[in-house]
Amino acid sequence: MDIRIIIILAGAFAVLQIFKIKDRFAQVIHGLYALSFGLSFVNSAAVRLDSFYLFGITHVVVIIYLIHNSEFKQQKKLLIGAMAIIQLLSTLFILAQWPHVPVVICFGIVTIAAFIYALTKDIVSYKNEIGFMVVLVADALVKLITILPVLMATNN
């Protein structure tokens, strides 16, 4: 599967969410994710690297968003916060070229599981955040798909 399809779909979903929701802070987050996805297709290595930095910074903005909203239930903060922190850590490990990147990327499975849990339990309460939750899951999927050949080669 071409990972660009996942990136395009997640970016398009983020753009649609900008117009669907009313929360300005959440709109900014969706816009930042959409911008970082768009910049990742520019034919310049420097711009693509900057898009990756912007993507990581937007994970931090998601965490700030969760801290900023005091009316959120603790479960909602923990669920989305865990998703954002896991994906932020995997992005940091990749950017810094730290060891054990495949292990950290495999924690993306937790991000996917948290998203499935949110979908099955109380999707209505995540209406403003569903867009960047989809982006976080797309990030986890892309990283897992990318690292899968490396994991398969180490088992042989």
Protein backbone atom coordinates (compact mmCIF):
# COMPACT_ATOMS: atom_id res chain seq x y z
CA MET A 1 0.00 0.00 0.00
CA ASP A 2 1.29 3.41 -0.90
CA ILE A 3 1.60 5.50 2.25
CA ARG A 4 0.87 8.67 0.29
CA ILE A 5 -2.76 7.55 0.02
CA ILE A 6 -3.03 7.40 3.81
CA ILE A 7 -1.38 10.82 4.11
CA ILE A 8 -3.70 12.39 1.52
CA LEU A 9 -6.82 10.90 3.11
CA ALA A 10 -5.81 12.02 6.61
CA GLY A 11 -4.95 15.51 5.33
CA ALA A 12 -8.27 15.78 3.49
CA PHE A 13 -10.13 14.67 6.60
CA ALA A 14 -8.30 17.30 8.65
CA VAL A 15 -9.27 20.00 6.14
CA LEU A 16 -12.91 18.91 6.22
CA GLN A 17 -12.89 19.05 10.02
CA ILE A 18 -11.75 22.68 9.94
CA PHE A 19 -15.07 23.63 8.37
CA LYS A 20 -17.18 21.19 10.37
CA ILE A 21 -16.23 22.13 13.93
CA LYS A 22 -16.60 25.40 15.82
CA ASP A 23 -13.74 25.16 18.35
CA ARG A 24 -11.05 27.58 17.09
CA PHE A 25 -8.18 25.85 18.88
CA ALA A 26 -9.17 22.49 17.33
CA GLN A 27 -9.50 24.20 13.93
CA VAL A 28 -5.93 25.48 14.24
CA ILE A 29 -4.68 21.99 15.08
CA HIS A 30 -6.47 20.54 12.07
CA GLY A 31 -5.05 23.31 9.90
CA LEU A 32 -1.51 22.67 11.13
CA TYR A 33 -1.83 18.97 10.40
CA ALA A 34 -3.24 19.67 6.94
CA LEU A 35 -0.43 22.15 6.24
CA SER A 36 2.24 19.69 7.36
CA PHE A 37 0.72 17.00 5.14
CA GLY A 38 0.59 19.37 2.19
CA LEU A 39 4.19 20.46 2.67
CA SER A 40 5.33 16.84 2.75
CA PHE A 41 4.53 16.61 -0.97
CA VAL A 42 6.71 19.57 -1.98
CA ASN A 43 9.66 18.52 -4.12
CA SER A 44 12.29 19.91 -1.76
CA ALA A 45 14.05 17.90 0.92
CA ALA A 46 14.29 20.94 3.21
CA VAL A 47 10.55 21.66 2.98
CA ARG A 48 9.69 18.01 3.56
CA LEU A 49 11.90 18.01 6.66
CA ASP A 50 10.20 21.21 7.85
CA SER A 51 6.82 19.55 7.32
CA PHE A 52 7.97 16.71 9.58
CA TYR A 53 9.04 19.26 12.24
CA LEU A 54 5.67 21.03 11.92
CA PHE A 55 3.94 17.68 12.27
CA GLY A 56 5.83 16.96 15.50
CA ILE A 57 5.17 20.44 16.86
CA THR A 58 1.47 19.96 16.16
CA HIS A 59 1.53 16.88 18.39
CA VAL A 60 2.74 19.20 21.17
CA VAL A 61 -0.10 21.62 20.34
CA VAL A 62 -2.58 18.75 20.77
CA ILE A 63 -1.19 18.14 24.27
CA ILE A 64 -1.51 21.86 25.06
CA TYR A 65 -5.10 21.75 23.76
CA LEU A 66 -5.89 18.93 26.19
CA ILE A 67 -4.32 20.80 29.11
CA HIS A 68 -6.11 24.02 28.11
CA ASN A 69 -9.61 22.48 28.10
CA SER A 70 -10.55 21.98 31.73
CA GLU A 71 -14.06 20.74 30.87
CA PHE A 72 -12.72 17.54 29.30
CA LYS A 73 -13.15 14.33 31.24
CA GLN A 74 -9.95 12.78 32.53
CA GLN A 75 -10.48 9.73 30.33
CA LYS A 76 -10.64 11.89 27.20
CA LYS A 77 -7.47 13.74 28.18
CA LEU A 78 -5.63 10.49 28.88
CA LEU A 79 -6.78 8.80 25.69
CA ILE A 80 -5.91 11.59 23.25
CA GLY A 81 -2.86 12.58 25.31
CA ALA A 82 -1.47 9.05 25.14
CA MET A 83 -2.03 8.99 21.38
CA ALA A 84 -0.26 12.33 20.92
CA ILE A 85 2.63 11.50 23.25
CA ILE A 86 3.28 8.13 21.61
CA GLN A 87 3.32 9.67 18.14
CA LEU A 88 5.43 12.61 19.35
CA LEU A 89 7.99 10.20 20.81
CA SER A 90 8.16 8.20 17.60
CA THR A 91 8.63 11.42 15.63
CA LEU A 92 11.40 12.55 18.01
CA PHE A 93 13.15 9.19 17.77
CA ILE A 94 13.05 9.38 13.97
CA LEU A 95 14.21 13.01 13.76
CA ALA A 96 17.00 12.55 16.30
CA GLN A 97 17.96 9.17 14.83
CA TRP A 98 18.00 7.63 18.27
CA PRO A 99 18.41 3.88 18.65
CA HIS A 100 15.45 1.52 18.90
CA VAL A 101 13.23 3.51 16.51
CA PRO A 102 11.34 0.34 15.44
CA VAL A 103 10.45 -0.44 19.05
CA VAL A 104 9.08 3.05 19.65
CA ILE A 105 7.16 2.99 16.38
CA CYS A 106 5.53 -0.30 17.41
CA PHE A 107 3.88 1.60 20.26
CA GLY A 108 1.73 3.08 17.50
CA ILE A 109 -0.40 -0.01 18.00
CA VAL A 110 -1.50 1.59 21.28
CA THR A 111 -2.52 4.71 19.34
CA ILE A 112 -4.64 2.60 16.99
CA ALA A 113 -6.19 0.67 19.90
CA ALA A 114 -7.03 3.91 21.74
CA PHE A 115 -8.74 5.25 18.62
CA ILE A 116 -10.78 2.07 18.22
CA TYR A 117 -11.75 2.31 21.90
CA ALA A 118 -12.91 5.91 21.43
CA LEU A 119 -14.91 4.95 18.34
CA THR A 120 -16.69 2.13 20.11
CA LYS A 121 -17.34 3.77 23.48
CA ASP A 122 -18.25 7.45 23.11
CA ILE A 123 -17.62 8.89 19.65
CA VAL A 124 -19.97 11.85 20.19
CA SER A 125 -17.80 13.39 22.91
CA TYR A 126 -14.82 13.37 20.52
CA LYS A 127 -16.53 15.34 17.72
CA ASN A 128 -14.07 18.26 17.84
CA GLU A 129 -11.04 16.01 18.22
CA ILE A 130 -11.88 13.19 15.81
CA GLY A 131 -9.96 14.86 12.99
CA PHE A 132 -6.65 14.96 14.75
CA MET A 133 -7.28 11.56 16.26
CA VAL A 134 -7.59 10.26 12.68
CA VAL A 135 -4.33 12.04 11.82
CA LEU A 136 -2.57 10.46 14.81
CA VAL A 137 -3.80 7.02 13.74
CA ALA A 138 -2.72 7.71 10.16
CA ASP A 139 0.71 8.69 11.48
CA ALA A 140 0.91 5.43 13.42
CA LEU A 141 -0.18 3.42 10.39
CA VAL A 142 2.31 5.08 8.06
CA LYS A 143 5.16 4.52 10.50
CA LEU A 144 4.16 0.91 11.12
CA ILE A 145 3.87 0.20 7.39
CA THR A 146 7.23 1.84 6.81
CA ILE A 147 8.98 -0.10 9.57
CA LEU A 148 7.32 -3.47 8.82
CA PRO A 149 9.97 -4.60 6.26
CA VAL A 150 12.72 -3.85 8.80
CA LEU A 151 10.93 -5.91 11.46
CA MET A 152 10.36 -8.78 9.03
CA ALA A 153 14.02 -8.79 7.98
CA THR A 154 15.25 -9.01 11.57
CA ASN A 155 13.15 -12.12 12.21
CA ASN A 156 14.82 -14.08 9.39
